[in-house]
PDB file of N, CA and C in Angstrom:
ATOM      1  N   MET A   1     106.410  98.078 110.723  1.00  0.00           N
ATOM      2  CA  MET A   1     106.319  98.489 109.300  1.00  0.00           C
ATOM      3  C   MET A   1     106.822  99.910 109.407  1.00  0.00           C
ATOM      4  N   GLN A   2     107.581 100.241 108.343  1.00  0.00           N
ATOM      5  CA  GLN A   2     108.053 101.600 108.101  1.00  0.00           C
ATOM      6  C   GLN A   2     107.405 102.105 106.749  1.00  0.00           C
ATOM      7  N   PHE A   3     107.066 103.393 106.793  1.00  0.00           N
ATOM      8  CA  PHE A   3     106.421 103.975 105.581  1.00  0.00           C
ATOM      9  C   PHE A   3     107.165 105.245 105.224  1.00  0.00           C
ATOM     10  N   ASP A   4     107.630 105.230 103.995  1.00  0.00           N
ATOM     11  CA  ASP A   4     108.358 106.484 103.516  1.00  0.00           C
ATOM     12  C   ASP A   4     107.568 107.112 102.465  1.00  0.00           C
ATOM     13  N   LEU A   5     107.258 108.397 102.545  1.00  0.00           N
ATOM     14  CA  LEU A   5     106.516 109.120 101.546  1.00  0.00           C
ATOM     15  C   LEU A   5     107.378 110.278 101.107  1.00  0.00           C
ATOM     16  N   HIS A   6     107.579 110.375  99.843  1.00  0.00           N
ATOM     17  CA  HIS A   6     108.475 111.445  99.236  1.00  0.00           C
ATOM     18  C   HIS A   6     107.628 112.227  98.198  1.00  0.00           C
ATOM     19  N   PRO A   7     106.903 113.280  98.641  1.00  0.00           N
ATOM     20  CA  PRO A   7     106.110 114.075  97.737  1.00  0.00           C
ATOM     21  C   PRO A   7     106.845 114.716  96.533  1.00  0.00           C
ATOM     22  N   VAL A   8     108.086 115.056  96.808  1.00  0.00           N
ATOM     23  CA  VAL A   8     108.806 115.757  95.678  1.00  0.00           C
ATOM     24  C   VAL A   8     109.024 114.906  94.510  1.00  0.00           C
ATOM     25  N   ASN A   9     109.426 113.628  94.707  1.00  0.00           N
ATOM     26  CA  ASN A   9     109.642 112.717  93.588  1.00  0.00           C
ATOM     27  C   ASN A   9     108.414 111.709  93.412  1.00  0.00           C
ATOM     28  N   LYS A  10     107.363 111.992  94.165  1.00  0.00           N
ATOM     29  CA  LYS A  10     106.148 111.152  94.095  1.00  0.00           C
ATOM     30  C   LYS A  10     106.428 109.659  94.300  1.00  0.00           C
ATOM     31  N   THR A  11     107.202 109.307  95.328  1.00  0.00           N
ATOM     32  CA  THR A  11     107.385 107.885  95.657  1.00  0.00           C
ATOM     33  C   THR A  11     106.890 107.574  97.088  1.00  0.00           C
ATOM     34  N   ALA A  12     106.467 106.319  97.154  1.00  0.00           N
ATOM     35  CA  ALA A  12     105.995 105.865  98.493  1.00  0.00           C
ATOM     36  C   ALA A  12     106.564 104.441  98.685  1.00  0.00           C
ATOM     37  N   ALA A  13     107.059 104.169  99.918  1.00  0.00           N
ATOM     38  CA  ALA A  13     107.606 102.825 100.165  1.00  0.00           C
ATOM     39  C   ALA A  13     107.181 102.282 101.435  1.00  0.00           C
ATOM     40  N   PHE A  14     106.656 101.093 101.441  1.00  0.00           N
ATOM     41  CA  PHE A  14     106.287 100.388 102.645  1.00  0.00           C
ATOM     42  C   PHE A  14     107.399  99.342 102.924  1.00  0.00           C
ATOM     43  N   TRP A  15     107.976  99.286 104.195  1.00  0.00           N
ATOM     44  CA  TRP A  15     108.981  98.350 104.457  1.00  0.00           C
ATOM     45  C   TRP A  15     108.426  97.375 105.539  1.00  0.00           C
ATOM     46  N   LEU A  16     108.179  96.094 105.133  1.00  0.00           N
ATOM     47  CA  LEU A  16     107.534  95.095 106.071  1.00  0.00           C
ATOM     48  C   LEU A  16     108.647  94.151 106.633  1.00  0.00           C
ATOM     49  N   SER A  17     108.452  93.912 107.882  1.00  0.00           N
ATOM     50  CA  SER A  17     109.235  92.790 108.545  1.00  0.00           C
ATOM     51  C   SER A  17     108.751  91.446 107.928  1.00  0.00           C
ATOM     52  N   ARG A  18     109.570  90.441 108.236  1.00  0.00           N
ATOM     53  CA  ARG A  18     109.057  89.087 107.834  1.00  0.00           C
ATOM     54  C   ARG A  18     107.770  88.720 108.309  1.00  0.00           C
ATOM     55  N   ALA A  19     107.585  89.006 109.604  1.00  0.00           N
ATOM     56  CA  ALA A  19     106.205  88.700 110.216  1.00  0.00           C
ATOM     57  C   ALA A  19     105.129  89.434 109.529  1.00  0.00           C
ATOM     58  N   GLU A  20     105.323  90.702 109.266  1.00  0.00           N
ATOM     59  CA  GLU A  20     104.313  91.539 108.648  1.00  0.00           C
ATOM     60  C   GLU A  20     104.094  91.094 107.261  1.00  0.00           C
ATOM     61  N   ALA A  21     105.112  90.677 106.460  1.00  0.00           N
ATOM     62  CA  ALA A  21     104.958  90.327 105.103  1.00  0.00           C
ATOM     63  C   ALA A  21     104.137  88.961 105.073  1.00  0.00           C
ATOM     64  N   GLU A  22     104.144  88.211 106.054  1.00  0.00           N
ATOM     65  CA  GLU A  22     103.432  86.881 106.133  1.00  0.00           C
ATOM     66  C   GLU A  22     101.970  87.150 106.651  1.00  0.00           C
ATOM     67  N   ASP A  23     101.650  88.283 107.058  1.00  0.00           N
ATOM     68  CA  ASP A  23     100.310  88.608 107.643  1.00  0.00           C
ATOM     69  C   ASP A  23      99.441  89.067 106.445  1.00  0.00           C
ATOM     70  N   ALA A  24      98.550  88.116 106.004  1.00  0.00           N
ATOM     71  CA  ALA A  24      97.708  88.300 104.984  1.00  0.00           C
ATOM     72  C   ALA A  24      96.762  89.579 105.215  1.00  0.00           C
ATOM     73  N   ALA A  25      96.224  89.633 106.347  1.00  0.00           N
ATOM     74  CA  ALA A  25      95.325  90.670 106.678  1.00  0.00           C
ATOM     75  C   ALA A  25      95.991  92.088 106.623  1.00  0.00           C
ATOM     76  N   LEU A  26      97.278  92.211 107.010  1.00  0.00           N
ATOM     77  CA  LEU A  26      97.990  93.395 106.924  1.00  0.00           C
ATOM     78  C   LEU A  26      98.238  93.760 105.446  1.00  0.00           C
ATOM     79  N   ARG A  27      98.617  92.835 104.637  1.00  0.00           N
ATOM     80  CA  ARG A  27      98.895  93.079 103.241  1.00  0.00           C
ATOM     81  C   ARG A  27      97.551  93.490 102.566  1.00  0.00           C
ATOM     82  N   ASP A  28      96.463  92.775 102.918  1.00  0.00           N
ATOM     83  CA  ASP A  28      95.206  93.221 102.357  1.00  0.00           C
ATOM     84  C   ASP A  28      94.767  94.649 102.673  1.00  0.00           C
ATOM     85  N   ALA A  29      95.128  94.989 103.894  1.00  0.00           N
ATOM     86  CA  ALA A  29      94.781  96.361 104.493  1.00  0.00           C
ATOM     87  C   ALA A  29      95.563  97.423 103.731  1.00  0.00           C
ATOM     88  N   LEU A  30      96.745  97.072 103.161  1.00  0.00           N
ATOM     89  CA  LEU A  30      97.611  98.090 102.517  1.00  0.00           C
ATOM     90  C   LEU A  30      97.120  98.281 101.114  1.00  0.00           C
ATOM     91  N   LEU A  31      96.273  97.436 100.504  1.00  0.00           N
ATOM     92  CA  LEU A  31      95.886  97.588  99.077  1.00  0.00           C
ATOM     93  C   LEU A  31      95.143  98.855  98.881  1.00  0.00           C
ATOM     94  N   PRO A  32      94.207  99.188  99.698  1.00  0.00           N
ATOM     95  CA  PRO A  32      93.406 100.521  99.443  1.00  0.00           C
ATOM     96  C   PRO A  32      94.385 101.735  99.483  1.00  0.00           C
ATOM     97  N   LEU A  33      95.238 101.756 100.412  1.00  0.00           N
ATOM     98  CA  LEU A  33      96.252 102.894 100.552  1.00  0.00           C
ATOM     99  C   LEU A  33      97.193 102.913  99.319  1.00  0.00           C
ATOM    100  N   CYS A  34      97.623 101.773  98.891  1.00  0.00           N
ATOM    101  CA  CYS A  34      98.425 101.682  97.620  1.00  0.00           C
ATOM    102  C   CYS A  34      97.647 102.200  96.442  1.00  0.00           C
ATOM    103  N   ARG A  35      96.427 101.792  96.342  1.00  0.00           N
ATOM    104  CA  ARG A  35      95.567 102.300  95.199  1.00  0.00           C
ATOM    105  C   ARG A  35      95.368 103.835  95.271  1.00  0.00           C
ATOM    106  N   GLN A  36      95.115 104.264  96.426  1.00  0.00           N
ATOM    107  CA  GLN A  36      94.988 105.756  96.679  1.00  0.00           C
ATOM    108  C   GLN A  36      96.206 106.487  96.202  1.00  0.00           C
ATOM    109  N   LEU A  37      97.376 106.014  96.641  1.00  0.00           N
ATOM    110  CA  LEU A  37      98.525 106.581  96.311  1.00  0.00           C
ATOM    111  C   LEU A  37      98.894 106.553  94.825  1.00  0.00           C
ATOM    112  N   LYS A  38      98.547 105.530  94.134  1.00  0.00           N
ATOM    113  CA  LYS A  38      98.678 105.268  92.734  1.00  0.00           C
ATOM    114  C   LYS A  38      97.870 106.306  91.963  1.00  0.00           C
ATOM    115  N   ASN A  39      96.582 106.386  92.517  1.00  0.00           N
ATOM    116  CA  ASN A  39      95.606 107.419  91.918  1.00  0.00           C
ATOM    117  C   ASN A  39      96.121 108.886  92.039  1.00  0.00           C
ATOM    118  N   GLU A  40      97.041 109.093  92.977  1.00  0.00           N
ATOM    119  CA  GLU A  40      97.636 110.442  93.172  1.00  0.00           C
ATOM    120  C   GLU A  40      98.981 110.515  92.469  1.00  0.00           C
ATOM    121  N   ARG A  41      99.147 109.457  91.577  1.00  0.00           N
ATOM    122  CA  ARG A  41     100.349 109.430  90.692  1.00  0.00           C
ATOM    123  C   ARG A  41     101.699 109.176  91.476  1.00  0.00           C
ATOM    124  N   TYR A  42     101.601 108.461  92.595  1.00  0.00           N
ATOM    125  CA  TYR A  42     102.787 108.024  93.317  1.00  0.00           C
ATOM    126  C   TYR A  42     103.303 106.727  92.789  1.00  0.00           C
ATOM    127  N   GLN A  43     104.523 106.485  92.655  1.00  0.00           N
ATOM    128  CA  GLN A  43     105.154 105.213  92.415  1.00  0.00           C
ATOM    129  C   GLN A  43     105.273 104.504  93.835  1.00  0.00           C
ATOM    130  N   VAL A  44     104.564 103.416  93.889  1.00  0.00           N
ATOM    131  CA  VAL A  44     104.447 102.730  95.163  1.00  0.00           C
ATOM    132  C   VAL A  44     105.265 101.426  95.130  1.00  0.00           C
ATOM    133  N   ALA A  45     105.956 101.214  96.244  1.00  0.00           N
ATOM    134  CA  ALA A  45     106.749  99.933  96.387  1.00  0.00           C
ATOM    135  C   ALA A  45     106.532  99.371  97.815  1.00  0.00           C
ATOM    136  N   VAL A  46     106.362  98.019  97.855  1.00  0.00           N
ATOM    137  CA  VAL A  46     106.223  97.372  99.086  1.00  0.00           C
ATOM    138  C   VAL A  46     107.387  96.429  99.192  1.00  0.00           C
ATOM    139  N   PHE A  47     108.328  96.584 100.134  1.00  0.00           N
ATOM    140  CA  PHE A  47     109.527  95.758 100.326  1.00  0.00           C
ATOM    141  C   PHE A  47     109.217  94.921 101.533  1.00  0.00           C
ATOM    142  N   ALA A  48     109.478  93.632 101.331  1.00  0.00           N
ATOM    143  CA  ALA A  48     109.284  92.625 102.480  1.00  0.00           C
ATOM    144  C   ALA A  48     110.581  91.888 102.722  1.00  0.00           C
ATOM    145  N   SER A  49     110.859  91.675 103.936  1.00  0.00           N
ATOM    146  CA  SER A  49     112.109  90.854 104.379  1.00  0.00           C
ATOM    147  C   SER A  49     111.881  89.476 103.913  1.00  0.00           C
ATOM    148  N   GLY A  50     112.934  88.899 103.427  1.00  0.00           N
ATOM    149  CA  GLY A  50     112.871  87.496 102.933  1.00  0.00           C
ATOM    150  C   GLY A  50     113.600  86.554 103.905  1.00  0.00           C
ATOM    151  N   THR A  51     113.826  85.370 103.470  1.00  0.00           N
ATOM    152  CA  THR A  51     114.449  84.343 104.307  1.00  0.00           C
ATOM    153  C   THR A  51     115.904  84.041 103.814  1.00  0.00           C
ATOM    154  N   ALA A  52     116.285  84.568 102.824  1.00  0.00           N
ATOM    155  CA  ALA A  52     117.578  84.232 102.173  1.00  0.00           C
ATOM    156  C   ALA A  52     118.623  85.277 102.774  1.00  0.00           C
ATOM    157  N   GLU A  53     119.921  84.837 102.611  1.00  0.00           N
ATOM    158  CA  GLU A  53     120.970  85.671 103.116  1.00  0.00           C
ATOM    159  C   GLU A  53     121.213  86.828 102.100  1.00  0.00           C
ATOM    160  N   LEU A  54     121.057  88.022 102.613  1.00  0.00           N
ATOM    161  CA  LEU A  54     121.148  89.295 101.723  1.00  0.00           C
ATOM    162  C   LEU A  54     122.572  89.335 101.142  1.00  0.00           C
ATOM    163  N   ALA A  55     123.582  89.119 101.989  1.00  0.00           N
ATOM    164  CA  ALA A  55     124.966  89.340 101.396  1.00  0.00           C
ATOM    165  C   ALA A  55     125.276  88.304 100.181  1.00  0.00           C
ATOM    166  N   ASP A  56     124.782  87.091 100.380  1.00  0.00           N
ATOM    167  CA  ASP A  56     125.041  86.188  99.274  1.00  0.00           C
ATOM    168  C   ASP A  56     124.349  86.513  97.975  1.00  0.00           C
ATOM    169  N   HIS A  57     123.106  86.942  98.085  1.00  0.00           N
ATOM    170  CA  HIS A  57     122.363  87.369  96.937  1.00  0.00           C
ATOM    171  C   HIS A  57     122.885  88.717  96.289  1.00  0.00           C
ATOM    172  N   THR A  58     123.229  89.604  97.211  1.00  0.00           N
ATOM    173  CA  THR A  58     123.858  90.913  96.687  1.00  0.00           C
ATOM    174  C   THR A  58     125.144  90.549  95.954  1.00  0.00           C
ATOM    175  N   ALA A  59     125.972  89.726  96.541  1.00  0.00           N
ATOM    176  CA  ALA A  59     127.245  89.422  95.860  1.00  0.00           C
ATOM    177  C   ALA A  59     127.023  88.699  94.475  1.00  0.00           C
ATOM    178  N   ALA A  60     125.990  87.905  94.423  1.00  0.00           N
ATOM    179  CA  ALA A  60     125.678  87.188  93.116  1.00  0.00           C
ATOM    180  C   ALA A  60     125.132  88.249  92.135  1.00  0.00           C
ATOM    181  N   LEU A  61     124.335  89.162  92.537  1.00  0.00           N
ATOM    182  CA  LEU A  61     123.814  90.184  91.710  1.00  0.00           C
ATOM    183  C   LEU A  61     124.862  91.101  91.168  1.00  0.00           C
ATOM    184  N   LEU A  62     125.827  91.430  92.057  1.00  0.00           N
ATOM    185  CA  LEU A  62     126.926  92.295  91.591  1.00  0.00           C
ATOM    186  C   LEU A  62     127.854  91.592  90.589  1.00  0.00           C
ATOM    187  N   ARG A  63     128.038  90.270  90.828  1.00  0.00           N
ATOM    188  CA  ARG A  63     128.791  89.470  89.853  1.00  0.00           C
ATOM    189  C   ARG A  63     128.097  89.374  88.463  1.00  0.00           C
ATOM    190  N   GLN A  64     126.832  89.207  88.517  1.00  0.00           N
ATOM    191  CA  GLN A  64     126.107  89.259  87.294  1.00  0.00           C
ATOM    192  C   GLN A  64     126.129  90.505  86.559  1.00  0.00           C
ATOM    193  N   HIS A  65     125.964  91.654  87.216  1.00  0.00           N
ATOM    194  CA  HIS A  65     126.125  92.983  86.625  1.00  0.00           C
ATOM    195  C   HIS A  65     127.522  93.186  85.971  1.00  0.00           C
ATOM    196  N   ARG A  66     128.591  92.749  86.812  1.00  0.00           N
ATOM    197  CA  ARG A  66     129.927  92.978  86.307  1.00  0.00           C
ATOM    198  C   ARG A  66     130.175  92.096  85.103  1.00  0.00           C
ATOM    199  N   ASP A  67     129.659  90.878  85.036  1.00  0.00           N
ATOM    200  CA  ASP A  67     129.823  89.985  83.919  1.00  0.00           C
ATOM    201  C   ASP A  67     129.081  90.572  82.620  1.00  0.00           C
ATOM    202  N   ARG A  68     127.884  91.054  82.813  1.00  0.00           N
ATOM    203  CA  ARG A  68     127.116  91.580  81.767  1.00  0.00           C
ATOM    204  C   ARG A  68     127.849  92.923  81.228  1.00  0.00           C
ATOM    205  N   ALA A  69     128.352  93.718  82.052  1.00  0.00           N
ATOM    206  CA  ALA A  69     129.050  94.922  81.635  1.00  0.00           C
ATOM    207  C   ALA A  69     130.269  94.458  80.832  1.00  0.00           C
ATOM    208  N   ALA A  70     130.978  93.502  81.249  1.00  0.00           N
ATOM    209  CA  ALA A  70     132.161  92.974  80.600  1.00  0.00           C
ATOM    210  C   ALA A  70     131.776  92.463  79.200  1.00  0.00           C
ATOM    211  N   ARG A  71     130.714  91.747  79.072  1.00  0.00           N
ATOM    212  CA  ARG A  71     130.289  91.217  77.811  1.00  0.00           C
ATOM    213  C   ARG A  71     129.910  92.341  76.888  1.00  0.00           C
ATOM    214  N   ARG A  72     129.293  93.329  77.399  1.00  0.00           N
ATOM    215  CA  ARG A  72     128.885  94.561  76.509  1.00  0.00           C
ATOM    216  C   ARG A  72     130.035  95.253  76.011  1.00  0.00           C
ATOM    217  N   GLU A  73     131.106  95.435  76.884  1.00  0.00           N
ATOM    218  CA  GLU A  73     132.300  96.091  76.518  1.00  0.00           C
ATOM    219  C   GLU A  73     132.974  95.322  75.387  1.00  0.00           C
ATOM    220  N   VAL A  74     133.108  94.020  75.509  1.00  0.00           N
ATOM    221  CA  VAL A  74     133.706  93.225  74.480  1.00  0.00           C
ATOM    222  C   VAL A  74     132.916  93.342  73.182  1.00  0.00           C
ATOM    223  N   GLU A  75     131.640  93.369  73.285  1.00  0.00           N
ATOM    224  CA  GLU A  75     130.823  93.513  72.013  1.00  0.00           C
ATOM    225  C   GLU A  75     130.970  94.838  71.390  1.00  0.00           C
ATOM    226  N   ARG A  76     131.081  95.948  72.306  1.00  0.00           N
ATOM    227  CA  ARG A  76     131.361  97.308  71.733  1.00  0.00           C
ATOM    228  C   ARG A  76     132.652  97.324  71.068  1.00  0.00           C
ATOM    229  N   GLU A  77     133.674  96.780  71.619  1.00  0.00           N
ATOM    230  CA  GLU A  77     134.991  96.700  71.017  1.00  0.00           C
ATOM    231  C   GLU A  77     135.064  95.872  69.728  1.00  0.00           C
ATOM    232  N   ARG A  78     134.272  94.843  69.676  1.00  0.00           N
ATOM    233  CA  ARG A  78     134.195  94.028  68.444  1.00  0.00           C
ATOM    234  C   ARG A  78     133.517  94.856  67.413  1.00  0.00           C
ATOM    235  N   LEU A  79     132.429  95.540  67.618  1.00  0.00           N
ATOM    236  CA  LEU A  79     131.734  96.312  66.674  1.00  0.00           C
ATOM    237  C   LEU A  79     132.560  97.499  66.236  1.00  0.00           C
ATOM    238  N   ALA A  80     133.287  98.094  67.142  1.00  0.00           N
ATOM    239  CA  ALA A  80     134.117  99.280  66.762  1.00  0.00           C
ATOM    240  C   ALA A  80     135.288  98.813  65.802  1.00  0.00           C
ATOM    241  N   GLY A  81     135.699  97.657  65.910  1.00  0.00           N
ATOM    242  CA  GLY A  81     136.775  97.141  65.081  1.00  0.00           C
ATOM    243  C   GLY A  81     136.299  96.795  63.726  1.00  0.00           C
ATOM    244  N   GLN A  82     135.015  96.637  63.514  1.00  0.00           N
ATOM    245  CA  GLN A  82     134.471  96.250  62.243  1.00  0.00           C
ATOM    246  C   GLN A  82     134.171  97.565  61.393  1.00  0.00           C
ATOM    247  N   THR A  83     134.234  98.722  61.953  1.00  0.00           N
ATOM    248  CA  THR A  83     133.917  99.949  61.187  1.00  0.00           C
ATOM    249  C   THR A  83     135.103 100.549  60.566  1.00  0.00           C
TER     250      THR A  83
END
């Protein structure tokens, strides 16, 4: 597990391996620390390794964002032409 604490921007991140993510006792042990950090106004994130291919999912996410941006641009152009 890796833990990153950034006091300047009040963020905390836990990075769990796949084995750690599947360890219920470890995840339960993190809860009090997460609560304490949230009480101190930190934004807390717990990242867990998954079982899917990162490159495939990243490419799909990038395509989705590109397509959504293109649709928004077309809509903006359509609305600009109506004024």
